[in-house]
Amino acid sequence: MEIKGLILDPSTSSPVVVLHTSTDGEWFLPIWIGPAEANSIALHLEGVEPPRPMTHDLFVTALSACGMTVPFVFINSLSDSVFFAEIPLVDRDGNVQTIDARPSDAIAIAIRVEAPLHVAKEVLDQARVPGASGEDALRLILERLRPEDLGEYQM
């Protein structure tokens, strides 16, 4: 999947990252994220170099210093409107250690290391939105939005 864009939910002013795939039809996956993670993703996508490393930049630098790589990130489950992700870390010897992550952090790291973003079929089946265009998808996302879909996240 790829990042289609970042939007603000007009009813809550919460950032939403919209993922897109055209595999097996045109699908969009909206994931509500925190403002800090949205800022980190947006700055990187826009090519803005902050004067000091942001947290995700620091994490990637530390991984590199330890000889570890990120081959992909994986949004692996959805439970009670909360997405979960994993980041596999591969060391110099090819050993893999998988760490738990929020999808927003996994996405921010994936774009920095140019790693593919994978989403479990079960997650797509539960949360994807069909659409012929990004605008259509956004309209469907916002029309289907219920307060309980936002989980416990408060702004």
C-alpha atoms as a PDB file:
ATOM      1  CA  MET A   1       0.000   0.000   0.000  1.00  0.00           C
ATOM      2  CA  GLU A   2       1.026   3.598  -0.382  1.00  0.00           C
ATOM      3  CA  ILE A   3       0.141   6.802   1.386  1.00  0.00           C
ATOM      4  CA  LYS A   4      -2.568   8.600  -0.545  1.00  0.00           C
ATOM      5  CA  GLY A   5      -2.573  11.589   1.766  1.00  0.00           C
ATOM      6  CA  LEU A   6      -3.063  13.110   5.169  1.00  0.00           C
ATOM      7  CA  ILE A   7      -6.328  14.804   6.006  1.00  0.00           C
ATOM      8  CA  LEU A   8      -8.014  16.320   9.041  1.00  0.00           C
ATOM      9  CA  ASP A   9     -11.274  14.789  10.162  1.00  0.00           C
ATOM     10  CA  PRO A  10     -13.525  17.873  10.090  1.00  0.00           C
ATOM     11  CA  SER A  11     -15.659  16.704  12.997  1.00  0.00           C
ATOM     12  CA  THR A  12     -12.776  16.112  15.443  1.00  0.00           C
ATOM     13  CA  SER A  13      -9.791  17.878  13.824  1.00  0.00           C
ATOM     14  CA  SER A  14      -7.898  14.596  14.234  1.00  0.00           C
ATOM     15  CA  PRO A  15      -5.366  13.703  11.535  1.00  0.00           C
ATOM     16  CA  VAL A  16      -6.137  10.740   9.299  1.00  0.00           C
ATOM     17  CA  VAL A  17      -3.578   8.997   7.118  1.00  0.00           C
ATOM     18  CA  VAL A  18      -5.240   7.472   4.075  1.00  0.00           C
ATOM     19  CA  LEU A  19      -3.530   4.457   2.563  1.00  0.00           C
ATOM     20  CA  HIS A  20      -4.287   3.348  -0.971  1.00  0.00           C
ATOM     21  CA  THR A  21      -3.979   0.222  -3.044  1.00  0.00           C
ATOM     22  CA  SER A  22      -5.179  -0.540  -6.525  1.00  0.00           C
ATOM     23  CA  THR A  23      -4.601  -4.274  -6.124  1.00  0.00           C
ATOM     24  CA  ASP A  24      -7.896  -6.151  -6.539  1.00  0.00           C
ATOM     25  CA  GLY A  25      -9.842  -2.950  -7.213  1.00  0.00           C
ATOM     26  CA  GLU A  26      -9.421   0.581  -5.908  1.00  0.00           C
ATOM     27  CA  TRP A  27      -9.275   0.615  -2.087  1.00  0.00           C
ATOM     28  CA  PHE A  28      -8.522   3.166   0.610  1.00  0.00           C
ATOM     29  CA  LEU A  29      -7.712   2.534   4.257  1.00  0.00           C
ATOM     30  CA  PRO A  30      -8.198   5.449   6.690  1.00  0.00           C
ATOM     31  CA  ILE A  31      -6.267   5.350   9.970  1.00  0.00           C
ATOM     32  CA  TRP A  32      -6.754   8.066  12.601  1.00  0.00           C
ATOM     33  CA  ILE A  33      -3.377   9.079  14.031  1.00  0.00           C
ATOM     34  CA  GLY A  34      -1.914  11.548  16.494  1.00  0.00           C
ATOM     35  CA  PRO A  35      -0.825  15.060  15.508  1.00  0.00           C
ATOM     36  CA  ALA A  36       2.878  14.451  16.231  1.00  0.00           C
ATOM     37  CA  GLU A  37       2.960  11.379  13.988  1.00  0.00           C
ATOM     38  CA  ALA A  38       0.987  13.191  11.281  1.00  0.00           C
ATOM     39  CA  ASN A  39       3.497  16.057  11.431  1.00  0.00           C
ATOM     40  CA  SER A  40       6.411  13.624  11.187  1.00  0.00           C
ATOM     41  CA  ILE A  41       4.886  11.860   8.176  1.00  0.00           C
ATOM     42  CA  ALA A  42       3.942  15.123   6.458  1.00  0.00           C
ATOM     43  CA  LEU A  43       7.356  16.735   6.931  1.00  0.00           C
ATOM     44  CA  HIS A  44       9.109  13.720   5.468  1.00  0.00           C
ATOM     45  CA  LEU A  45       6.695  13.413   2.530  1.00  0.00           C
ATOM     46  CA  GLU A  46       7.196  17.111   1.765  1.00  0.00           C
ATOM     47  CA  GLY A  47      10.987  16.754   1.932  1.00  0.00           C
ATOM     48  CA  VAL A  48      11.343  19.175   4.840  1.00  0.00           C
ATOM     49  CA  GLU A  49      14.564  18.696   6.817  1.00  0.00           C
ATOM     50  CA  PRO A  50      13.992  19.681  10.445  1.00  0.00           C
ATOM     51  CA  PRO A  51      16.922  21.452  12.122  1.00  0.00           C
ATOM     52  CA  ARG A  52      17.140  18.647  14.707  1.00  0.00           C
ATOM     53  CA  PRO A  53      16.259  14.961  14.245  1.00  0.00           C
ATOM     54  CA  MET A  54      12.674  14.046  14.947  1.00  0.00           C
ATOM     55  CA  THR A  55      11.920  10.904  16.956  1.00  0.00           C
ATOM     56  CA  HIS A  56      11.400   8.726  13.872  1.00  0.00           C
ATOM     57  CA  ASP A  57      14.642  10.021  12.331  1.00  0.00           C
ATOM     58  CA  LEU A  58      16.466   9.235  15.566  1.00  0.00           C
ATOM     59  CA  PHE A  59      15.026   5.708  15.603  1.00  0.00           C
ATOM     60  CA  VAL A  60      16.134   5.066  12.008  1.00  0.00           C
ATOM     61  CA  THR A  61      19.615   6.445  12.755  1.00  0.00           C
ATOM     62  CA  ALA A  62      19.909   4.186  15.819  1.00  0.00           C
ATOM     63  CA  LEU A  63      18.834   1.135  13.799  1.00  0.00           C
ATOM     64  CA  SER A  64      21.411   1.915  11.149  1.00  0.00           C
ATOM     65  CA  ALA A  65      24.151   2.409  13.770  1.00  0.00           C
ATOM     66  CA  CYS A  66      23.292  -1.044  15.158  1.00  0.00           C
ATOM     67  CA  GLY A  67      23.446  -2.583  11.674  1.00  0.00           C
ATOM     68  CA  MET A  68      19.726  -3.274  11.482  1.00  0.00           C
ATOM     69  CA  THR A  69      17.385  -2.825   8.544  1.00  0.00           C
ATOM     70  CA  VAL A  70      13.609  -2.667   8.142  1.00  0.00           C
ATOM     71  CA  PRO A  71      12.517  -4.777   5.148  1.00  0.00           C
ATOM     72  CA  PHE A  72       8.835  -3.763   5.444  1.00  0.00           C
ATOM     73  CA  VAL A  73       6.236  -2.756   8.011  1.00  0.00           C
ATOM     74  CA  PHE A  74       3.028  -4.660   8.577  1.00  0.00           C
ATOM     75  CA  ILE A  75      -0.345  -3.423   9.820  1.00  0.00           C
ATOM     76  CA  ASN A  76      -1.399  -6.773  11.153  1.00  0.00           C
ATOM     77  CA  SER A  77      -4.656  -6.410  13.068  1.00  0.00           C
ATOM     78  CA  LEU A  78      -7.635  -4.291  13.967  1.00  0.00           C
ATOM     79  CA  SER A  79      -9.447  -4.701  17.268  1.00  0.00           C
ATOM     80  CA  ASP A  80     -12.127  -2.414  18.726  1.00  0.00           C
ATOM     81  CA  SER A  81     -11.304   0.234  16.079  1.00  0.00           C
ATOM     82  CA  VAL A  82      -7.608   0.206  17.055  1.00  0.00           C
ATOM     83  CA  PHE A  83      -5.019  -0.720  14.437  1.00  0.00           C
ATOM     84  CA  PHE A  84      -1.866  -2.660  15.376  1.00  0.00           C
ATOM     85  CA  ALA A  85       1.393  -2.932  13.466  1.00  0.00           C
ATOM     86  CA  GLU A  86       4.702  -4.760  13.537  1.00  0.00           C
ATOM     87  CA  ILE A  87       8.141  -3.746  12.374  1.00  0.00           C
ATOM     88  CA  PRO A  88      10.551  -6.578  11.580  1.00  0.00           C
ATOM     89  CA  LEU A  89      14.182  -5.647  12.266  1.00  0.00           C
ATOM     90  CA  VAL A  90      16.899  -7.604  10.488  1.00  0.00           C
ATOM     91  CA  ASP A  91      20.433  -7.645  11.902  1.00  0.00           C
ATOM     92  CA  ARG A  92      23.731  -8.101  10.012  1.00  0.00           C
ATOM     93  CA  ASP A  93      23.464 -11.883  10.338  1.00  0.00           C
ATOM     94  CA  GLY A  94      19.942 -12.005   8.915  1.00  0.00           C
ATOM     95  CA  ASN A  95      18.257 -12.631  12.269  1.00  0.00           C
ATOM     96  CA  VAL A  96      14.803 -11.087  12.535  1.00  0.00           C
ATOM     97  CA  GLN A  97      13.361  -9.469  15.644  1.00  0.00           C
ATOM     98  CA  THR A  98       9.806  -8.177  15.318  1.00  0.00           C
ATOM     99  CA  ILE A  99       8.646  -5.260  17.441  1.00  0.00           C
ATOM    100  CA  ASP A 100       5.124  -4.052  18.156  1.00  0.00           C
ATOM    101  CA  ALA A 101       4.312  -0.554  16.894  1.00  0.00           C
ATOM    102  CA  ARG A 102       1.493   1.860  16.366  1.00  0.00           C
ATOM    103  CA  PRO A 103       0.657   2.041  12.648  1.00  0.00           C
ATOM    104  CA  SER A 104       1.446   5.760  12.588  1.00  0.00           C
ATOM    105  CA  ASP A 105       4.973   5.128  13.897  1.00  0.00           C
ATOM    106  CA  ALA A 106       5.433   2.169  11.549  1.00  0.00           C
ATOM    107  CA  ILE A 107       4.380   4.320   8.588  1.00  0.00           C
ATOM    108  CA  ALA A 108       6.682   7.185   9.635  1.00  0.00           C
ATOM    109  CA  ILE A 109       9.609   4.754   9.848  1.00  0.00           C
ATOM    110  CA  ALA A 110       8.725   2.944   6.611  1.00  0.00           C
ATOM    111  CA  ILE A 111       8.781   6.118   4.548  1.00  0.00           C
ATOM    112  CA  ARG A 112      12.170   7.074   5.989  1.00  0.00           C
ATOM    113  CA  VAL A 113      13.790   3.752   5.095  1.00  0.00           C
ATOM    114  CA  GLU A 114      11.762   3.360   1.885  1.00  0.00           C
ATOM    115  CA  ALA A 115      10.283   0.085   3.111  1.00  0.00           C
ATOM    116  CA  PRO A 116       7.044  -1.331   1.704  1.00  0.00           C
ATOM    117  CA  LEU A 117       3.885  -0.989   3.779  1.00  0.00           C
ATOM    118  CA  HIS A 118       1.838  -4.178   4.013  1.00  0.00           C
ATOM    119  CA  VAL A 119      -1.640  -4.570   5.484  1.00  0.00           C
ATOM    120  CA  ALA A 120      -3.194  -7.876   6.506  1.00  0.00           C
ATOM    121  CA  LYS A 121      -6.083  -9.007   4.331  1.00  0.00           C
ATOM    122  CA  GLU A 122      -8.265  -9.317   7.439  1.00  0.00           C
ATOM    123  CA  VAL A 123      -7.613  -5.657   8.276  1.00  0.00           C
ATOM    124  CA  LEU A 124      -8.472  -4.554   4.753  1.00  0.00           C
ATOM    125  CA  ASP A 125     -11.626  -6.659   4.821  1.00  0.00           C
ATOM    126  CA  GLN A 126     -12.737  -4.892   8.022  1.00  0.00           C
ATOM    127  CA  ALA A 127     -11.736  -1.302   7.342  1.00  0.00           C
ATOM    128  CA  ARG A 128     -11.128  -0.601   3.665  1.00  0.00           C
ATOM    129  CA  VAL A 129     -13.238   1.845   1.742  1.00  0.00           C
ATOM    130  CA  PRO A 130     -13.858   1.423  -1.979  1.00  0.00           C
ATOM    131  CA  GLY A 131     -13.662   4.481  -4.154  1.00  0.00           C
ATOM    132  CA  ALA A 132     -13.085   5.618  -7.679  1.00  0.00           C
ATOM    133  CA  SER A 133     -11.118   8.624  -6.466  1.00  0.00           C
ATOM    134  CA  GLY A 134      -9.533   9.985  -3.327  1.00  0.00           C
ATOM    135  CA  GLU A 135     -12.386  12.456  -2.918  1.00  0.00           C
ATOM    136  CA  ASP A 136     -14.978   9.680  -3.168  1.00  0.00           C
ATOM    137  CA  ALA A 137     -13.079   7.639  -0.600  1.00  0.00           C
ATOM    138  CA  LEU A 138     -12.805  10.570   1.781  1.00  0.00           C
ATOM    139  CA  ARG A 139     -16.527  11.247   1.487  1.00  0.00           C
ATOM    140  CA  LEU A 140     -17.311   7.573   2.242  1.00  0.00           C
ATOM    141  CA  ILE A 141     -14.884   7.543   5.174  1.00  0.00           C
ATOM    142  CA  LEU A 142     -16.466  10.598   6.766  1.00  0.00           C
ATOM    143  CA  GLU A 143     -20.021   9.420   6.085  1.00  0.00           C
ATOM    144  CA  ARG A 144     -19.313   6.085   7.806  1.00  0.00           C
ATOM    145  CA  LEU A 145     -17.549   7.683  10.777  1.00  0.00           C
ATOM    146  CA  ARG A 146     -19.110   7.051  14.167  1.00  0.00           C
ATOM    147  CA  PRO A 147     -17.819   8.471  17.485  1.00  0.00           C
ATOM    148  CA  GLU A 148     -16.894   4.979  18.702  1.00  0.00           C
ATOM    149  CA  ASP A 149     -14.662   4.577  15.619  1.00  0.00           C
ATOM    150  CA  LEU A 150     -12.263   7.083  17.136  1.00  0.00           C
ATOM    151  CA  GLY A 151     -11.521   4.798  20.086  1.00  0.00           C
ATOM    152  CA  GLU A 152     -10.193   6.340  23.285  1.00  0.00           C
ATOM    153  CA  TYR A 153      -7.995   8.924  21.572  1.00  0.00           C
ATOM    154  CA  GLN A 154      -8.823  12.412  22.818  1.00  0.00           C
ATOM    155  CA  MET A 155      -7.532  15.703  21.436  1.00  0.00           C
END
